Amino acid sequence: MSGLGMDSHQVSRQPWNWSRMTGRVLIYSALLSWAFICLFPIFWTVSTSFKTAVNVTQGDILPFVGRFQGDWKGWRALGLSPDTIFQISTVRDEFMLRFANSLIVSIGAPILAVLIGAPAAYGLSRFQYKFGPWRNKDISFFFLSQLLLPPVVLAMPFLVLYKELALLDSVIGLILIYTLMVLPIVIWIMRDQFDTIPIELEQAAMVDGCGVWGAFIRIVMPIALPGMVAAFILAVILCWNEYFFAALLTSTSAKTLPVMVASQTGSQGISWWTMAALATGAIAPLVVIGVFLERYIVKGLTAGAVK
């Protein structure tokens, strides 16, 4: 009887196990397909930097398969191939200048945005404001609404303003406008972080003699550090990839890497291998951030999800 019962139990569980395995196969197949779709443009860009003109025109994809034997053509044009790295190259000097400009702007603007956005988010989280009919929710929505405004609408006002302030073609000018660009995201993320921190911790610190700023710096900031890191990293990525204002407000010395990548298109055609090499150099820092700092981004973005 026990053997018969065991057999019937196993038979009854077979359809359930089969359906569960089928579901897993479908889910993993969908995830693999989506990963392929997301990663293929990066693979195409990196592989194109090693292609010759024939490989580009013929649409060869895989290295060392068929006609695609691989070459340093794109990197050689930048003076970054193994046989040109020690030679004098004006293109390599320009690439390093644009890379340095992108690095300075993409770090300086997020730092400034976090320094301004963290106290602003803390004020919106802990204090109640009223400016006429406006209250905290309206102020928060005002900050977020800045993300809905197309950048082209601000082109002419900022161009005239920067000309009057002598900020055109300057790294400082880009840092200031990038700070305004990423500030709403920083405030949004940091406010969610502060909302999850019990206010009793600050009240206990004030009982022990801390003021508002003391409680904010000593108690709140260390707890909200994951959200601050996530906001900083997202701001870095947005500033690094920004093209519109970098192309509008710069001309020679303050150009960033995205502008240099776009400059490879011209009346003589597109230098696909050089553009791919430049794009690979622009992608590399973001790949490093994604690989090594992914857990901080996820931790910071999900910290306020559970109340």
C-alpha atoms as a PDB file:
ATOM      1  CA  MET A   1       0.000   0.000   0.000  1.00  0.00           C
ATOM      2  CA  SER A   2       2.816   2.351   0.879  1.00  0.00           C
ATOM      3  CA  GLY A   3       4.524   1.593  -2.408  1.00  0.00           C
ATOM      4  CA  LEU A   4       1.289   2.224  -4.296  1.00  0.00           C
ATOM      5  CA  GLY A   5       0.781   5.448  -2.419  1.00  0.00           C
ATOM      6  CA  MET A   6       4.310   6.584  -3.231  1.00  0.00           C
ATOM      7  CA  ASP A   7       3.831   5.853  -6.930  1.00  0.00           C
ATOM      8  CA  SER A   8       0.575   7.777  -7.051  1.00  0.00           C
ATOM      9  CA  HIS A   9       2.214  10.660  -5.214  1.00  0.00           C
ATOM     10  CA  GLN A  10       5.083  10.769  -7.702  1.00  0.00           C
ATOM     11  CA  VAL A  11       2.664  10.591 -10.638  1.00  0.00           C
ATOM     12  CA  SER A  12       0.628  13.438  -9.193  1.00  0.00           C
ATOM     13  CA  ARG A  13       3.730  15.629  -8.834  1.00  0.00           C
ATOM     14  CA  GLN A  14       5.038  15.071 -12.367  1.00  0.00           C
ATOM     15  CA  PRO A  15       2.782  17.610 -14.129  1.00  0.00           C
ATOM     16  CA  TRP A  16       3.621  20.252 -11.518  1.00  0.00           C
ATOM     17  CA  ASN A  17       7.383  19.740 -11.879  1.00  0.00           C
ATOM     18  CA  TRP A  18       7.078  19.762 -15.654  1.00  0.00           C
ATOM     19  CA  SER A  19       5.130  23.008 -15.697  1.00  0.00           C
ATOM     20  CA  ARG A  20       7.584  24.616 -13.300  1.00  0.00           C
ATOM     21  CA  MET A  21      10.554  23.588 -15.455  1.00  0.00           C
ATOM     22  CA  THR A  22       8.794  24.822 -18.587  1.00  0.00           C
ATOM     23  CA  GLY A  23       8.177  28.154 -16.902  1.00  0.00           C
ATOM     24  CA  ARG A  24      11.829  28.448 -15.924  1.00  0.00           C
ATOM     25  CA  VAL A  25      12.968  27.621 -19.447  1.00  0.00           C
ATOM     26  CA  LEU A  26      10.674  30.295 -20.872  1.00  0.00           C
ATOM     27  CA  ILE A  27      11.806  32.885 -18.321  1.00  0.00           C
ATOM     28  CA  TYR A  28      15.515  32.215 -18.831  1.00  0.00           C
ATOM     29  CA  SER A  29      15.042  32.167 -22.606  1.00  0.00           C
ATOM     30  CA  ALA A  30      13.371  35.571 -22.448  1.00  0.00           C
ATOM     31  CA  LEU A  31      16.124  36.931 -20.190  1.00  0.00           C
ATOM     32  CA  LEU A  32      18.856  35.592 -22.469  1.00  0.00           C
ATOM     33  CA  SER A  33      17.129  37.078 -25.502  1.00  0.00           C
ATOM     34  CA  TRP A  34      16.808  40.447 -23.804  1.00  0.00           C
ATOM     35  CA  ALA A  35      20.457  40.324 -22.662  1.00  0.00           C
ATOM     36  CA  PHE A  36      21.513  39.597 -26.253  1.00  0.00           C
ATOM     37  CA  ILE A  37      19.452  42.524 -27.545  1.00  0.00           C
ATOM     38  CA  CYS A  38      20.962  44.873 -24.937  1.00  0.00           C
ATOM     39  CA  LEU A  39      24.557  43.734 -25.312  1.00  0.00           C
ATOM     40  CA  PHE A  40      24.692  43.339 -29.096  1.00  0.00           C
ATOM     41  CA  PRO A  41      25.125  47.097 -29.813  1.00  0.00           C
ATOM     42  CA  ILE A  42      28.100  47.154 -27.427  1.00  0.00           C
ATOM     43  CA  PHE A  43      29.578  44.077 -29.098  1.00  0.00           C
ATOM     44  CA  TRP A  44      29.003  45.629 -32.526  1.00  0.00           C
ATOM     45  CA  THR A  45      30.711  48.862 -31.479  1.00  0.00           C
ATOM     46  CA  VAL A  46      33.761  47.144 -29.997  1.00  0.00           C
ATOM     47  CA  SER A  47      34.139  44.763 -32.948  1.00  0.00           C
ATOM     48  CA  THR A  48      33.761  47.593 -35.475  1.00  0.00           C
ATOM     49  CA  SER A  49      36.737  49.375 -33.923  1.00  0.00           C
ATOM     50  CA  PHE A  50      38.854  46.432 -35.156  1.00  0.00           C
ATOM     51  CA  LYS A  51      37.294  46.249 -38.626  1.00  0.00           C
ATOM     52  CA  THR A  52      38.709  47.346 -41.951  1.00  0.00           C
ATOM     53  CA  ALA A  53      36.712  49.213 -44.572  1.00  0.00           C
ATOM     54  CA  VAL A  54      35.849  45.946 -46.316  1.00  0.00           C
ATOM     55  CA  ASN A  55      34.542  44.409 -43.088  1.00  0.00           C
ATOM     56  CA  VAL A  56      32.332  47.440 -42.447  1.00  0.00           C
ATOM     57  CA  THR A  57      30.833  47.564 -45.938  1.00  0.00           C
ATOM     58  CA  GLN A  58      30.303  43.802 -46.120  1.00  0.00           C
ATOM     59  CA  GLY A  59      28.634  43.678 -42.705  1.00  0.00           C
ATOM     60  CA  ASP A  60      30.994  41.106 -41.179  1.00  0.00           C
ATOM     61  CA  ILE A  61      30.195  40.546 -37.519  1.00  0.00           C
ATOM     62  CA  LEU A  62      32.356  37.921 -35.807  1.00  0.00           C
ATOM     63  CA  PRO A  63      36.122  38.502 -35.516  1.00  0.00           C
ATOM     64  CA  PHE A  64      38.410  36.018 -37.233  1.00  0.00           C
ATOM     65  CA  VAL A  65      35.477  34.444 -39.126  1.00  0.00           C
ATOM     66  CA  GLY A  66      35.374  34.692 -42.912  1.00  0.00           C
ATOM     67  CA  ARG A  67      36.813  37.981 -44.204  1.00  0.00           C
ATOM     68  CA  PHE A  68      36.924  39.526 -40.722  1.00  0.00           C
ATOM     69  CA  GLN A  69      40.554  39.001 -39.701  1.00  0.00           C
ATOM     70  CA  GLY A  70      40.746  42.001 -37.393  1.00  0.00           C
ATOM     71  CA  ASP A  71      42.848  45.134 -37.572  1.00  0.00           C
ATOM     72  CA  TRP A  72      43.783  48.121 -35.386  1.00  0.00           C
ATOM     73  CA  LYS A  73      42.470  50.563 -38.007  1.00  0.00           C
ATOM     74  CA  GLY A  74      40.139  52.476 -35.695  1.00  0.00           C
ATOM     75  CA  TRP A  75      42.626  52.620 -32.832  1.00  0.00           C
ATOM     76  CA  ARG A  76      45.463  53.473 -35.221  1.00  0.00           C
ATOM     77  CA  ALA A  77      43.517  56.520 -36.397  1.00  0.00           C
ATOM     78  CA  LEU A  78      43.446  57.692 -32.779  1.00  0.00           C
ATOM     79  CA  GLY A  79      47.111  56.912 -32.222  1.00  0.00           C
ATOM     80  CA  LEU A  80      46.176  54.299 -29.618  1.00  0.00           C
ATOM     81  CA  SER A  81      47.197  51.098 -31.413  1.00  0.00           C
ATOM     82  CA  PRO A  82      50.247  49.115 -30.222  1.00  0.00           C
ATOM     83  CA  ASP A  83      52.326  50.359 -33.164  1.00  0.00           C
ATOM     84  CA  THR A  84      51.387  54.054 -32.749  1.00  0.00           C
ATOM     85  CA  ILE A  85      51.030  54.489 -28.994  1.00  0.00           C
ATOM     86  CA  PHE A  86      54.571  55.850 -28.628  1.00  0.00           C
ATOM     87  CA  GLN A  87      54.387  58.114 -31.681  1.00  0.00           C
ATOM     88  CA  ILE A  88      53.380  61.759 -31.689  1.00  0.00           C
ATOM     89  CA  SER A  89      49.673  62.016 -32.483  1.00  0.00           C
ATOM     90  CA  THR A  90      47.519  65.128 -32.402  1.00  0.00           C
ATOM     91  CA  VAL A  91      44.367  62.993 -32.558  1.00  0.00           C
ATOM     92  CA  ARG A  92      45.434  61.088 -29.446  1.00  0.00           C
ATOM     93  CA  ASP A  93      46.113  64.375 -27.657  1.00  0.00           C
ATOM     94  CA  GLU A  94      42.639  65.608 -28.628  1.00  0.00           C
ATOM     95  CA  PHE A  95      41.078  62.345 -27.451  1.00  0.00           C
ATOM     96  CA  MET A  96      42.813  62.606 -24.071  1.00  0.00           C
ATOM     97  CA  LEU A  97      41.700  66.249 -23.738  1.00  0.00           C
ATOM     98  CA  ARG A  98      38.082  65.383 -24.500  1.00  0.00           C
ATOM     99  CA  PHE A  99      38.250  62.399 -22.167  1.00  0.00           C
ATOM    100  CA  ALA A 100      39.639  64.622 -19.389  1.00  0.00           C
ATOM    101  CA  ASN A 101      36.912  67.216 -19.992  1.00  0.00           C
ATOM    102  CA  SER A 102      34.217  64.526 -19.740  1.00  0.00           C
ATOM    103  CA  LEU A 103      35.813  63.156 -16.574  1.00  0.00           C
ATOM    104  CA  ILE A 104      36.031  66.555 -14.875  1.00  0.00           C
ATOM    105  CA  VAL A 105      32.493  67.555 -15.807  1.00  0.00           C
ATOM    106  CA  SER A 106      30.990  64.156 -14.966  1.00  0.00           C
ATOM    107  CA  ILE A 107      32.518  64.182 -11.478  1.00  0.00           C
ATOM    108  CA  GLY A 108      32.303  67.878 -10.658  1.00  0.00           C
ATOM    109  CA  ALA A 109      28.613  68.322 -11.524  1.00  0.00           C
ATOM    110  CA  PRO A 110      27.359  65.287  -9.529  1.00  0.00           C
ATOM    111  CA  ILE A 111      29.416  66.325  -6.485  1.00  0.00           C
ATOM    112  CA  LEU A 112      27.899  69.810  -6.626  1.00  0.00           C
ATOM    113  CA  ALA A 113      24.424  68.350  -7.204  1.00  0.00           C
ATOM    114  CA  VAL A 114      24.735  66.039  -4.176  1.00  0.00           C
ATOM    115  CA  LEU A 115      26.010  68.876  -1.964  1.00  0.00           C
ATOM    116  CA  ILE A 116      23.013  71.011  -2.947  1.00  0.00           C
ATOM    117  CA  GLY A 117      20.425  68.267  -3.370  1.00  0.00           C
ATOM    118  CA  ALA A 118      20.969  66.411  -0.090  1.00  0.00           C
ATOM    119  CA  PRO A 119      20.049  69.366   2.184  1.00  0.00           C
ATOM    120  CA  ALA A 120      17.174  70.281  -0.147  1.00  0.00           C
ATOM    121  CA  ALA A 121      15.816  66.723  -0.034  1.00  0.00           C
ATOM    122  CA  TYR A 122      16.246  66.620   3.747  1.00  0.00           C
ATOM    123  CA  GLY A 123      14.265  69.832   4.111  1.00  0.00           C
ATOM    124  CA  LEU A 124      11.456  68.485   1.943  1.00  0.00           C
ATOM    125  CA  SER A 125      11.407  65.264   3.966  1.00  0.00           C
ATOM    126  CA  ARG A 126      11.504  66.720   7.473  1.00  0.00           C
ATOM    127  CA  PHE A 127       9.919  70.168   7.323  1.00  0.00           C
ATOM    128  CA  GLN A 128       6.619  71.500   6.069  1.00  0.00           C
ATOM    129  CA  TYR A 129       6.791  74.488   3.735  1.00  0.00           C
ATOM    130  CA  LYS A 130       4.100  76.748   2.382  1.00  0.00           C
ATOM    131  CA  PHE A 131       4.749  79.305  -0.347  1.00  0.00           C
ATOM    132  CA  GLY A 132       1.335  80.672  -1.146  1.00  0.00           C
ATOM    133  CA  PRO A 133      -0.647  77.699  -2.475  1.00  0.00           C
ATOM    134  CA  TRP A 134       2.526  75.609  -2.797  1.00  0.00           C
ATOM    135  CA  ARG A 135       3.359  72.927  -0.255  1.00  0.00           C
ATOM    136  CA  ASN A 136       5.956  70.141  -0.031  1.00  0.00           C
ATOM    137  CA  LYS A 137       4.328  67.875  -2.599  1.00  0.00           C
ATOM    138  CA  ASP A 138       4.020  70.747  -5.053  1.00  0.00           C
ATOM    139  CA  ILE A 139       7.655  71.710  -4.556  1.00  0.00           C
ATOM    140  CA  SER A 140       8.776  68.121  -5.080  1.00  0.00           C
ATOM    141  CA  PHE A 141       6.700  67.885  -8.241  1.00  0.00           C
ATOM    142  CA  PHE A 142       8.235  71.147  -9.444  1.00  0.00           C
ATOM    143  CA  PHE A 143      11.721  69.642  -9.176  1.00  0.00           C
ATOM    144  CA  LEU A 144      10.674  66.457 -10.984  1.00  0.00           C
ATOM    145  CA  SER A 145       8.866  68.431 -13.682  1.00  0.00           C
ATOM    146  CA  GLN A 146      12.212  69.855 -14.792  1.00  0.00           C
ATOM    147  CA  LEU A 147      12.961  66.412 -16.266  1.00  0.00           C
ATOM    148  CA  LEU A 148       9.922  66.735 -18.549  1.00  0.00           C
ATOM    149  CA  LEU A 149      11.194  69.930 -20.156  1.00  0.00           C
ATOM    150  CA  PRO A 150      12.920  69.296 -23.528  1.00  0.00           C
ATOM    151  CA  PRO A 151      16.519  70.603 -23.483  1.00  0.00           C
ATOM    152  CA  VAL A 152      16.009  72.349 -26.820  1.00  0.00           C
ATOM    153  CA  VAL A 153      13.564  74.741 -25.112  1.00  0.00           C
ATOM    154  CA  LEU A 154      16.425  76.009 -22.934  1.00  0.00           C
ATOM    155  CA  ALA A 155      18.915  76.294 -25.787  1.00  0.00           C
ATOM    156  CA  MET A 156      18.462  79.957 -26.656  1.00  0.00           C
ATOM    157  CA  PRO A 157      18.135  81.303 -23.066  1.00  0.00           C
ATOM    158  CA  PHE A 158      21.257  79.471 -21.898  1.00  0.00           C
ATOM    159  CA  LEU A 159      23.196  80.465 -25.001  1.00  0.00           C
ATOM    160  CA  VAL A 160      22.435  84.150 -24.419  1.00  0.00           C
ATOM    161  CA  LEU A 161      23.043  83.879 -20.665  1.00  0.00           C
ATOM    162  CA  TYR A 162      26.362  82.075 -21.049  1.00  0.00           C
ATOM    163  CA  LYS A 163      27.514  84.613 -23.631  1.00  0.00           C
ATOM    164  CA  GLU A 164      26.820  87.461 -21.224  1.00  0.00           C
ATOM    165  CA  LEU A 165      28.550  85.646 -18.357  1.00  0.00           C
ATOM    166  CA  ALA A 166      31.557  84.617 -20.512  1.00  0.00           C
ATOM    167  CA  LEU A 167      30.916  80.939 -19.757  1.00  0.00           C
ATOM    168  CA  LEU A 168      30.806  79.701 -23.335  1.00  0.00           C
ATOM    169  CA  ASP A 169      33.342  76.974 -24.142  1.00  0.00           C
ATOM    170  CA  SER A 170      34.301  76.531 -20.487  1.00  0.00           C
ATOM    171  CA  VAL A 171      34.357  73.476 -18.254  1.00  0.00           C
ATOM    172  CA  ILE A 172      32.880  75.492 -15.390  1.00  0.00           C
ATOM    173  CA  GLY A 173      29.899  76.420 -17.570  1.00  0.00           C
ATOM    174  CA  LEU A 174      29.234  72.763 -18.350  1.00  0.00           C
ATOM    175  CA  ILE A 175      29.517  71.813 -14.676  1.00  0.00           C
ATOM    176  CA  LEU A 176      26.930  74.433 -13.731  1.00  0.00           C
ATOM    177  CA  ILE A 177      24.389  73.441 -16.363  1.00  0.00           C
ATOM    178  CA  TYR A 178      24.919  69.718 -15.723  1.00  0.00           C
ATOM    179  CA  THR A 179      24.320  70.359 -12.034  1.00  0.00           C
ATOM    180  CA  LEU A 180      20.942  71.878 -12.871  1.00  0.00           C
ATOM    181  CA  MET A 181      20.236  68.924 -15.156  1.00  0.00           C
ATOM    182  CA  VAL A 182      20.830  66.160 -12.575  1.00  0.00           C
ATOM    183  CA  LEU A 183      19.692  68.034  -9.467  1.00  0.00           C
ATOM    184  CA  PRO A 184      16.023  66.858  -9.722  1.00  0.00           C
ATOM    185  CA  ILE A 185      17.118  63.205  -9.814  1.00  0.00           C
ATOM    186  CA  VAL A 186      19.398  63.676  -6.810  1.00  0.00           C
ATOM    187  CA  ILE A 187      16.627  65.382  -4.804  1.00  0.00           C
ATOM    188  CA  TRP A 188      14.109  62.695  -5.766  1.00  0.00           C
ATOM    189  CA  ILE A 189      16.355  59.792  -4.738  1.00  0.00           C
ATOM    190  CA  MET A 190      17.619  61.441  -1.548  1.00  0.00           C
ATOM    191  CA  ARG A 191      14.140  62.434  -0.389  1.00  0.00           C
ATOM    192  CA  ASP A 192      13.006  58.810  -0.622  1.00  0.00           C
ATOM    193  CA  GLN A 193      16.050  57.831   1.430  1.00  0.00           C
ATOM    194  CA  PHE A 194      15.346  60.384   4.142  1.00  0.00           C
ATOM    195  CA  ASP A 195      11.669  59.353   4.326  1.00  0.00           C
ATOM    196  CA  THR A 196      12.730  55.823   5.365  1.00  0.00           C
ATOM    197  CA  ILE A 197      14.890  57.053   8.267  1.00  0.00           C
ATOM    198  CA  PRO A 198      12.942  57.265  11.562  1.00  0.00           C
ATOM    199  CA  ILE A 199      12.750  60.828  12.816  1.00  0.00           C
ATOM    200  CA  GLU A 200      13.167  59.507  16.376  1.00  0.00           C
ATOM    201  CA  LEU A 201      16.896  59.047  15.694  1.00  0.00           C
ATOM    202  CA  GLU A 202      17.316  62.749  15.043  1.00  0.00           C
ATOM    203  CA  GLN A 203      15.170  63.667  18.033  1.00  0.00           C
ATOM    204  CA  ALA A 204      17.375  61.482  20.257  1.00  0.00           C
ATOM    205  CA  ALA A 205      20.482  63.189  18.854  1.00  0.00           C
ATOM    206  CA  MET A 206      18.976  66.616  19.562  1.00  0.00           C
ATOM    207  CA  VAL A 207      18.222  65.563  23.134  1.00  0.00           C
ATOM    208  CA  ASP A 208      21.921  64.719  23.471  1.00  0.00           C
ATOM    209  CA  GLY A 209      22.870  68.206  22.369  1.00  0.00           C
ATOM    210  CA  CYS A 210      23.020  68.084  18.567  1.00  0.00           C
ATOM    211  CA  GLY A 211      21.428  70.787  16.508  1.00  0.00           C
ATOM    212  CA  VAL A 212      19.555  70.235  13.247  1.00  0.00           C
ATOM    213  CA  TRP A 213      22.743  70.310  11.186  1.00  0.00           C
ATOM    214  CA  GLY A 214      24.564  68.132  13.695  1.00  0.00           C
ATOM    215  CA  ALA A 215      21.849  65.476  13.560  1.00  0.00           C
ATOM    216  CA  PHE A 216      21.765  65.715   9.778  1.00  0.00           C
ATOM    217  CA  ILE A 217      25.525  65.269   9.343  1.00  0.00           C
ATOM    218  CA  ARG A 218      26.211  62.763  12.142  1.00  0.00           C
ATOM    219  CA  ILE A 219      23.057  60.634  12.096  1.00  0.00           C
ATOM    220  CA  VAL A 220      21.113  61.004   8.862  1.00  0.00           C
ATOM    221  CA  MET A 221      23.909  61.244   6.303  1.00  0.00           C
ATOM    222  CA  PRO A 222      25.694  57.980   7.255  1.00  0.00           C
ATOM    223  CA  ILE A 223      22.400  56.077   7.141  1.00  0.00           C
ATOM    224  CA  ALA A 224      21.439  57.617   3.772  1.00  0.00           C
ATOM    225  CA  LEU A 225      24.880  56.979   2.261  1.00  0.00           C
ATOM    226  CA  PRO A 226      23.691  54.166  -0.100  1.00  0.00           C
ATOM    227  CA  GLY A 227      21.101  56.459  -1.630  1.00  0.00           C
ATOM    228  CA  MET A 228      23.646  59.233  -1.943  1.00  0.00           C
ATOM    229  CA  VAL A 229      26.068  56.919  -3.747  1.00  0.00           C
ATOM    230  CA  ALA A 230      23.288  55.740  -6.084  1.00  0.00           C
ATOM    231  CA  ALA A 231      22.279  59.329  -6.861  1.00  0.00           C
ATOM    232  CA  PHE A 232      25.912  60.255  -7.485  1.00  0.00           C
ATOM    233  CA  ILE A 233      26.508  57.305  -9.834  1.00  0.00           C
ATOM    234  CA  LEU A 234      23.337  57.963 -11.837  1.00  0.00           C
ATOM    235  CA  ALA A 235      24.297  61.635 -12.111  1.00  0.00           C
ATOM    236  CA  VAL A 236      27.769  60.645 -13.345  1.00  0.00           C
ATOM    237  CA  ILE A 237      26.257  58.431 -16.060  1.00  0.00           C
ATOM    238  CA  LEU A 238      23.861  61.159 -17.215  1.00  0.00           C
ATOM    239  CA  CYS A 239      26.590  63.792 -17.325  1.00  0.00           C
ATOM    240  CA  TRP A 240      29.018  61.477 -19.106  1.00  0.00           C
ATOM    241  CA  ASN A 241      26.513  60.717 -21.886  1.00  0.00           C
ATOM    242  CA  GLU A 242      25.125  64.239 -22.303  1.00  0.00           C
ATOM    243  CA  TYR A 243      25.578  65.635 -25.807  1.00  0.00           C
ATOM    244  CA  PHE A 244      23.135  68.487 -26.499  1.00  0.00           C
ATOM    245  CA  PHE A 245      24.478  71.168 -24.160  1.00  0.00           C
ATOM    246  CA  ALA A 246      28.076  70.050 -24.697  1.00  0.00           C
ATOM    247  CA  ALA A 247      27.675  70.620 -28.440  1.00  0.00           C
ATOM    248  CA  LEU A 248      25.719  73.866 -27.980  1.00  0.00           C
ATOM    249  CA  LEU A 249      27.844  75.648 -25.386  1.00  0.00           C
ATOM    250  CA  THR A 250      31.357  74.544 -26.414  1.00  0.00           C
ATOM    251  CA  SER A 251      33.457  75.069 -29.500  1.00  0.00           C
ATOM    252  CA  THR A 252      37.088  74.036 -29.007  1.00  0.00           C
ATOM    253  CA  SER A 253      38.694  73.653 -25.590  1.00  0.00           C
ATOM    254  CA  ALA A 254      35.750  72.416 -23.482  1.00  0.00           C
ATOM    255  CA  LYS A 255      34.313  69.812 -25.856  1.00  0.00           C
ATOM    256  CA  THR A 256      33.526  66.463 -24.299  1.00  0.00           C
ATOM    257  CA  LEU A 257      33.880  62.923 -25.601  1.00  0.00           C
ATOM    258  CA  PRO A 258      30.303  62.535 -26.974  1.00  0.00           C
ATOM    259  CA  VAL A 259      30.850  65.630 -29.120  1.00  0.00           C
ATOM    260  CA  MET A 260      34.086  64.182 -30.461  1.00  0.00           C
ATOM    261  CA  VAL A 261      32.328  60.915 -31.305  1.00  0.00           C
ATOM    262  CA  ALA A 262      29.603  62.762 -33.222  1.00  0.00           C
ATOM    263  CA  SER A 263      32.215  64.820 -35.099  1.00  0.00           C
ATOM    264  CA  GLN A 264      33.301  61.708 -37.011  1.00  0.00           C
ATOM    265  CA  THR A 265      30.326  62.224 -39.342  1.00  0.00           C
ATOM    266  CA  GLY A 266      30.929  64.719 -42.128  1.00  0.00           C
ATOM    267  CA  SER A 267      30.546  65.510 -45.812  1.00  0.00           C
ATOM    268  CA  GLN A 268      33.248  62.964 -46.661  1.00  0.00           C
ATOM    269  CA  GLY A 269      31.281  60.155 -45.062  1.00  0.00           C
ATOM    270  CA  ILE A 270      31.462  58.392 -41.716  1.00  0.00           C
ATOM    271  CA  SER A 271      34.696  56.948 -40.353  1.00  0.00           C
ATOM    272  CA  TRP A 272      33.002  53.945 -38.781  1.00  0.00           C
ATOM    273  CA  TRP A 273      36.139  52.380 -37.312  1.00  0.00           C
ATOM    274  CA  THR A 274      37.315  55.641 -35.728  1.00  0.00           C
ATOM    275  CA  MET A 275      33.840  56.387 -34.385  1.00  0.00           C
ATOM    276  CA  ALA A 276      33.622  52.856 -32.985  1.00  0.00           C
ATOM    277  CA  ALA A 277      37.023  53.204 -31.286  1.00  0.00           C
ATOM    278  CA  LEU A 278      35.964  56.527 -29.762  1.00  0.00           C
ATOM    279  CA  ALA A 279      32.629  55.057 -28.656  1.00  0.00           C
ATOM    280  CA  THR A 280      34.425  52.084 -27.098  1.00  0.00           C
ATOM    281  CA  GLY A 281      36.619  54.472 -25.134  1.00  0.00           C
ATOM    282  CA  ALA A 282      33.489  56.339 -24.010  1.00  0.00           C
ATOM    283  CA  ILE A 283      31.676  53.135 -23.035  1.00  0.00           C
ATOM    284  CA  ALA A 284      34.552  51.629 -21.045  1.00  0.00           C
ATOM    285  CA  PRO A 285      34.188  53.824 -17.896  1.00  0.00           C
ATOM    286  CA  LEU A 286      30.440  53.153 -17.787  1.00  0.00           C
ATOM    287  CA  VAL A 287      31.045  49.414 -18.068  1.00  0.00           C
ATOM    288  CA  VAL A 288      33.445  49.621 -15.119  1.00  0.00           C
ATOM    289  CA  ILE A 289      30.843  51.537 -13.109  1.00  0.00           C
ATOM    290  CA  GLY A 290      28.135  49.033 -13.992  1.00  0.00           C
ATOM    291  CA  VAL A 291      30.240  45.990 -13.125  1.00  0.00           C
ATOM    292  CA  PHE A 292      31.844  47.132  -9.870  1.00  0.00           C
ATOM    293  CA  LEU A 293      29.231  49.542  -8.484  1.00  0.00           C
ATOM    294  CA  GLU A 294      26.025  47.801  -9.574  1.00  0.00           C
ATOM    295  CA  ARG A 295      25.191  46.632  -6.057  1.00  0.00           C
ATOM    296  CA  TYR A 296      25.449  50.182  -4.710  1.00  0.00           C
ATOM    297  CA  ILE A 297      23.078  51.440  -7.413  1.00  0.00           C
ATOM    298  CA  VAL A 298      20.526  48.724  -6.704  1.00  0.00           C
ATOM    299  CA  LYS A 299      20.862  49.119  -2.945  1.00  0.00           C
ATOM    300  CA  GLY A 300      20.393  52.859  -3.138  1.00  0.00           C
ATOM    301  CA  LEU A 301      17.415  52.723  -5.479  1.00  0.00           C
ATOM    302  CA  THR A 302      15.574  50.000  -3.563  1.00  0.00           C
ATOM    303  CA  ALA A 303      16.273  51.244  -0.033  1.00  0.00           C
ATOM    304  CA  GLY A 304      13.101  53.335  -0.035  1.00  0.00           C
ATOM    305  CA  ALA A 305      10.907  50.711  -1.685  1.00  0.00           C
ATOM    306  CA  VAL A 306       9.776  49.047   1.570  1.00  0.00           C
ATOM    307  CA  LYS A 307       8.261  51.410   4.097  1.00  0.00           C
END
